[in-house]
Amino acid sequence: MALRKEGLIKSIRGPKGGHMLAKPPAQITMAQVMQALEGYVPPMECLPNPDFCKLTPGCALREVWREIDELTQRILISTTVEELAQRHRVGTTETMYYI
C-alpha cells in the first residue's frame, strides 16, 4: 500500500488490528497523501512533457497551467489532514468519505 510505503499509515494485524496514521495528522500534508496515492498529477499533460503539445514552446496557455500547478501544489503542501478533519467537524456530520 502506497500510504504505508510513504510512512503515512501503519497497519496492525489481528482481531483488533487495522490501519492508523503513522504520524500526528498535523504532520501529514495533502501533498504527501496525493503523492503517495497518485504521484504527481499535472493539470495538463504538456507541463511534465513539453513535446506532448504541437504548440510548444510558443503556447500562451502553458504558462497559465504552470501557475495553476504551482498554486495547487502550494495549497496541498499547506493543508494538513488535521485541518481537513477540523473543517469536517464544522460541516455536516452526514458526509461519508470512501477510500
N, C-alpha and C. Protein backbone atom coordinates (compact mmCIF):
# COMPACT_ATOMS: atom_id res chain seq x y z
N MET A 1 0.84 -1.18 0.00
CA MET A 1 0.00 0.00 0.00
C MET A 1 0.89 1.24 0.00
N ALA A 2 0.59 2.18 -0.88
CA ALA A 2 1.44 3.36 -1.07
C ALA A 2 1.52 4.23 0.18
N LEU A 3 0.42 4.37 0.90
CA LEU A 3 0.44 5.21 2.10
C LEU A 3 1.37 4.62 3.16
N ARG A 4 1.42 3.31 3.26
CA ARG A 4 2.32 2.66 4.22
C ARG A 4 3.77 2.86 3.78
N LYS A 5 4.02 2.69 2.49
CA LYS A 5 5.37 2.85 1.95
C LYS A 5 5.90 4.26 2.22
N GLU A 6 5.04 5.25 2.13
CA GLU A 6 5.43 6.64 2.36
C GLU A 6 5.50 6.99 3.84
N GLY A 7 5.18 6.05 4.72
CA GLY A 7 5.26 6.30 6.15
C GLY A 7 4.11 7.14 6.69
N LEU A 8 2.98 7.13 5.99
CA LEU A 8 1.84 7.92 6.42
C LEU A 8 0.85 7.12 7.27
N ILE A 9 0.78 5.81 7.03
CA ILE A 9 -0.08 4.97 7.86
C ILE A 9 0.70 3.74 8.31
N LYS A 10 0.19 3.11 9.36
CA LYS A 10 0.76 1.84 9.79
C LYS A 10 -0.38 0.85 9.99
N SER A 11 -0.06 -0.41 9.86
CA SER A 11 -1.05 -1.46 9.98
C SER A 11 -0.76 -2.31 11.20
N ILE A 12 -1.83 -2.76 11.83
CA ILE A 12 -1.72 -3.68 12.96
C ILE A 12 -2.57 -4.89 12.62
N ARG A 13 -1.96 -6.06 12.68
CA ARG A 13 -2.67 -7.30 12.36
C ARG A 13 -3.44 -7.81 13.57
N GLY A 14 -4.41 -8.63 13.29
CA GLY A 14 -5.13 -9.28 14.37
C GLY A 14 -6.56 -8.79 14.51
N PRO A 15 -7.29 -9.41 15.45
CA PRO A 15 -8.71 -9.09 15.63
C PRO A 15 -8.98 -7.62 15.97
N LYS A 16 -8.07 -6.99 16.67
CA LYS A 16 -8.26 -5.58 17.00
C LYS A 16 -7.34 -4.70 16.17
N GLY A 17 -6.88 -5.25 15.06
CA GLY A 17 -5.98 -4.52 14.18
C GLY A 17 -6.70 -3.59 13.24
N GLY A 18 -5.93 -3.00 12.37
CA GLY A 18 -6.47 -2.07 11.39
C GLY A 18 -5.40 -1.13 10.91
N HIS A 19 -5.82 -0.02 10.37
CA HIS A 19 -4.89 0.97 9.86
C HIS A 19 -5.03 2.25 10.68
N MET A 20 -3.91 2.91 10.90
CA MET A 20 -3.91 4.18 11.62
C MET A 20 -2.81 5.06 11.07
N LEU A 21 -2.93 6.34 11.37
CA LEU A 21 -1.90 7.27 10.92
C LEU A 21 -0.58 6.97 11.62
N ALA A 22 0.51 7.06 10.89
CA ALA A 22 1.83 6.81 11.45
C ALA A 22 2.43 8.06 12.10
N LYS A 23 1.82 9.22 11.82
CA LYS A 23 2.27 10.49 12.38
C LYS A 23 1.04 11.25 12.85
N PRO A 24 1.23 12.26 13.66
CA PRO A 24 0.09 13.11 14.02
C PRO A 24 -0.50 13.74 12.76
N PRO A 25 -1.83 13.90 12.70
CA PRO A 25 -2.46 14.46 11.50
C PRO A 25 -1.95 15.84 11.12
N ALA A 26 -1.44 16.59 12.07
CA ALA A 26 -0.89 17.92 11.77
C ALA A 26 0.43 17.84 11.01
N GLN A 27 1.03 16.66 10.99
CA GLN A 27 2.32 16.49 10.30
C GLN A 27 2.17 15.81 8.94
N ILE A 28 0.95 15.55 8.52
CA ILE A 28 0.71 14.91 7.22
C ILE A 28 0.00 15.92 6.33
N THR A 29 0.64 16.25 5.22
CA THR A 29 0.04 17.23 4.31
C THR A 29 -0.73 16.51 3.20
N MET A 30 -1.62 17.25 2.58
CA MET A 30 -2.35 16.70 1.45
C MET A 30 -1.40 16.43 0.29
N ALA A 31 -0.33 17.18 0.18
CA ALA A 31 0.67 16.91 -0.86
C ALA A 31 1.27 15.52 -0.67
N GLN A 32 1.56 15.15 0.58
CA GLN A 32 2.11 13.82 0.86
C GLN A 32 1.10 12.73 0.52
N VAL A 33 -0.15 12.96 0.87
CA VAL A 33 -1.20 11.98 0.59
C VAL A 33 -1.37 11.81 -0.92
N MET A 34 -1.47 12.93 -1.63
CA MET A 34 -1.63 12.86 -3.08
C MET A 34 -0.43 12.18 -3.75
N GLN A 35 0.77 12.51 -3.28
CA GLN A 35 1.97 11.89 -3.84
C GLN A 35 1.95 10.38 -3.63
N ALA A 36 1.55 9.96 -2.43
CA ALA A 36 1.52 8.53 -2.13
C ALA A 36 0.45 7.79 -2.93
N LEU A 37 -0.71 8.42 -3.11
CA LEU A 37 -1.81 7.75 -3.79
C LEU A 37 -1.73 7.84 -5.31
N GLU A 38 -1.41 9.02 -5.82
CA GLU A 38 -1.49 9.26 -7.26
C GLU A 38 -0.17 9.61 -7.92
N GLY A 39 0.83 10.03 -7.13
CA GLY A 39 2.03 10.58 -7.73
C GLY A 39 1.72 11.99 -8.20
N TYR A 40 2.59 12.56 -8.97
CA TYR A 40 2.37 13.91 -9.48
C TYR A 40 1.30 13.86 -10.56
N VAL A 41 0.28 14.68 -10.40
CA VAL A 41 -0.80 14.77 -11.38
C VAL A 41 -0.84 16.20 -11.91
N PRO A 42 -0.28 16.42 -13.09
CA PRO A 42 -0.27 17.79 -13.64
C PRO A 42 -1.66 18.18 -14.13
N PRO A 43 -1.97 19.47 -14.13
CA PRO A 43 -3.27 19.90 -14.66
C PRO A 43 -3.36 19.70 -16.18
N MET A 44 -2.22 19.69 -16.84
CA MET A 44 -2.17 19.43 -18.29
C MET A 44 -0.95 18.57 -18.58
N GLU A 45 -1.08 17.68 -19.52
CA GLU A 45 0.00 16.75 -19.86
C GLU A 45 1.24 17.45 -20.39
N CYS A 46 1.08 18.66 -20.92
CA CYS A 46 2.23 19.36 -21.50
C CYS A 46 3.22 19.88 -20.45
N LEU A 47 2.79 19.99 -19.18
CA LEU A 47 3.71 20.52 -18.17
C LEU A 47 4.90 19.59 -17.94
N PRO A 48 4.69 18.31 -17.64
CA PRO A 48 5.86 17.46 -17.47
C PRO A 48 6.44 16.98 -18.81
N ASN A 49 5.65 17.06 -19.89
CA ASN A 49 6.07 16.58 -21.21
C ASN A 49 5.84 17.65 -22.27
N PRO A 50 6.74 18.63 -22.39
CA PRO A 50 6.54 19.72 -23.36
C PRO A 50 6.33 19.22 -24.79
N ASP A 51 6.93 18.09 -25.15
CA ASP A 51 6.80 17.57 -26.52
C ASP A 51 5.42 17.01 -26.78
N PHE A 52 4.60 16.88 -25.75
CA PHE A 52 3.25 16.34 -25.89
C PHE A 52 2.38 17.23 -26.79
N CYS A 53 2.63 18.53 -26.74
CA CYS A 53 1.79 19.50 -27.45
C CYS A 53 2.52 20.05 -28.68
N LYS A 54 1.80 20.15 -29.76
CA LYS A 54 2.37 20.69 -31.00
C LYS A 54 2.62 22.19 -30.91
N LEU A 55 1.98 22.87 -29.94
CA LEU A 55 2.11 24.31 -29.80
C LEU A 55 3.36 24.74 -29.02
N THR A 56 4.00 23.80 -28.34
CA THR A 56 5.19 24.11 -27.56
C THR A 56 6.30 24.52 -28.51
N PRO A 57 7.11 25.47 -28.21
CA PRO A 57 7.24 26.27 -26.99
C PRO A 57 6.43 27.56 -27.01
N GLY A 58 5.69 27.84 -28.08
CA GLY A 58 5.01 29.12 -28.18
C GLY A 58 3.61 29.16 -27.61
N CYS A 59 3.18 28.16 -26.87
CA CYS A 59 1.81 28.12 -26.36
C CYS A 59 1.61 29.17 -25.26
N ALA A 60 0.62 30.01 -25.45
CA ALA A 60 0.32 31.06 -24.47
C ALA A 60 -0.33 30.50 -23.22
N LEU A 61 -0.98 29.37 -23.32
CA LEU A 61 -1.67 28.79 -22.16
C LEU A 61 -0.75 28.01 -21.22
N ARG A 62 0.36 27.54 -21.74
CA ARG A 62 1.26 26.71 -20.92
C ARG A 62 1.69 27.42 -19.64
N GLU A 63 1.99 28.70 -19.72
CA GLU A 63 2.40 29.46 -18.54
C GLU A 63 1.25 29.56 -17.53
N VAL A 64 0.04 29.71 -18.02
CA VAL A 64 -1.13 29.75 -17.13
C VAL A 64 -1.27 28.42 -16.40
N TRP A 65 -1.14 27.31 -17.13
CA TRP A 65 -1.24 25.99 -16.49
C TRP A 65 -0.12 25.77 -15.48
N ARG A 66 1.08 26.30 -15.78
CA ARG A 66 2.19 26.17 -14.84
C ARG A 66 1.87 26.92 -13.55
N GLU A 67 1.29 28.12 -13.66
CA GLU A 67 0.92 28.89 -12.47
C GLU A 67 -0.18 28.19 -11.68
N ILE A 68 -1.16 27.61 -12.37
CA ILE A 68 -2.21 26.85 -11.70
C ILE A 68 -1.60 25.68 -10.94
N ASP A 69 -0.65 25.00 -11.57
CA ASP A 69 0.01 23.87 -10.92
C ASP A 69 0.77 24.32 -9.68
N GLU A 70 1.49 25.42 -9.76
CA GLU A 70 2.24 25.93 -8.60
C GLU A 70 1.31 26.30 -7.45
N LEU A 71 0.21 26.97 -7.76
CA LEU A 71 -0.75 27.34 -6.71
C LEU A 71 -1.40 26.10 -6.09
N THR A 72 -1.73 25.14 -6.92
CA THR A 72 -2.31 23.89 -6.41
C THR A 72 -1.34 23.20 -5.47
N GLN A 73 -0.07 23.10 -5.87
CA GLN A 73 0.93 22.45 -5.02
C GLN A 73 1.10 23.20 -3.70
N ARG A 74 1.09 24.54 -3.74
CA ARG A 74 1.20 25.33 -2.51
C ARG A 74 0.05 25.04 -1.55
N ILE A 75 -1.15 24.95 -2.10
CA ILE A 75 -2.32 24.65 -1.27
C ILE A 75 -2.21 23.26 -0.67
N LEU A 76 -1.82 22.27 -1.47
CA LEU A 76 -1.69 20.90 -0.97
C LEU A 76 -0.60 20.79 0.11
N ILE A 77 0.49 21.52 -0.08
CA ILE A 77 1.59 21.49 0.90
C ILE A 77 1.18 22.16 2.20
N SER A 78 0.35 23.18 2.11
CA SER A 78 -0.02 23.93 3.33
C SER A 78 -1.28 23.40 4.02
N THR A 79 -1.91 22.38 3.46
CA THR A 79 -3.13 21.81 4.06
C THR A 79 -2.80 20.47 4.69
N THR A 80 -3.11 20.34 5.98
CA THR A 80 -2.82 19.10 6.69
C THR A 80 -4.10 18.27 6.87
N VAL A 81 -3.90 17.02 7.19
CA VAL A 81 -5.02 16.13 7.48
C VAL A 81 -5.79 16.65 8.69
N GLU A 82 -5.07 17.22 9.66
CA GLU A 82 -5.75 17.78 10.83
C GLU A 82 -6.68 18.93 10.43
N GLU A 83 -6.23 19.80 9.54
CA GLU A 83 -7.07 20.90 9.08
C GLU A 83 -8.33 20.38 8.38
N LEU A 84 -8.17 19.33 7.58
CA LEU A 84 -9.33 18.75 6.91
C LEU A 84 -10.31 18.17 7.92
N ALA A 85 -9.79 17.52 8.95
CA ALA A 85 -10.66 16.97 10.00
C ALA A 85 -11.41 18.09 10.72
N GLN A 86 -10.74 19.19 10.99
CA GLN A 86 -11.40 20.33 11.64
C GLN A 86 -12.49 20.91 10.75
N ARG A 87 -12.21 21.03 9.47
CA ARG A 87 -13.22 21.54 8.53
C ARG A 87 -14.43 20.60 8.49
N HIS A 88 -14.16 19.31 8.55
CA HIS A 88 -15.24 18.32 8.52
C HIS A 88 -16.11 18.44 9.77
N ARG A 89 -15.48 18.63 10.93
CA ARG A 89 -16.24 18.76 12.17
C ARG A 89 -17.18 19.97 12.13
N VAL A 90 -16.76 21.03 11.50
CA VAL A 90 -17.57 22.24 11.39
C VAL A 90 -18.72 22.02 10.41
N GLY A 91 -18.49 21.22 9.38
CA GLY A 91 -19.51 20.97 8.35
C GLY A 91 -20.52 19.94 8.80
N THR A 92 -21.24 19.41 7.86
CA THR A 92 -22.27 18.43 8.14
C THR A 92 -21.69 17.14 8.69
N THR A 93 -22.44 16.47 9.52
CA THR A 93 -21.99 15.19 10.08
C THR A 93 -22.40 14.02 9.20
N GLU A 94 -23.10 14.29 8.10
CA GLU A 94 -23.57 13.21 7.24
C GLU A 94 -22.62 12.89 6.10
N THR A 95 -21.50 13.59 5.99
CA THR A 95 -20.55 13.37 4.92
C THR A 95 -19.84 12.04 5.12
N MET A 96 -19.72 11.24 4.06
CA MET A 96 -19.02 9.96 4.11
C MET A 96 -17.92 9.98 3.05
N TYR A 97 -16.69 9.68 3.46
CA TYR A 97 -15.57 9.61 2.55
C TYR A 97 -15.20 8.15 2.34
N TYR A 98 -15.16 7.71 1.11
CA TYR A 98 -14.81 6.33 0.80
C TYR A 98 -13.38 6.31 0.25
N ILE A 99 -12.51 5.52 0.90
CA ILE A 99 -11.14 5.41 0.42
C ILE A 99 -10.78 3.97 0.19
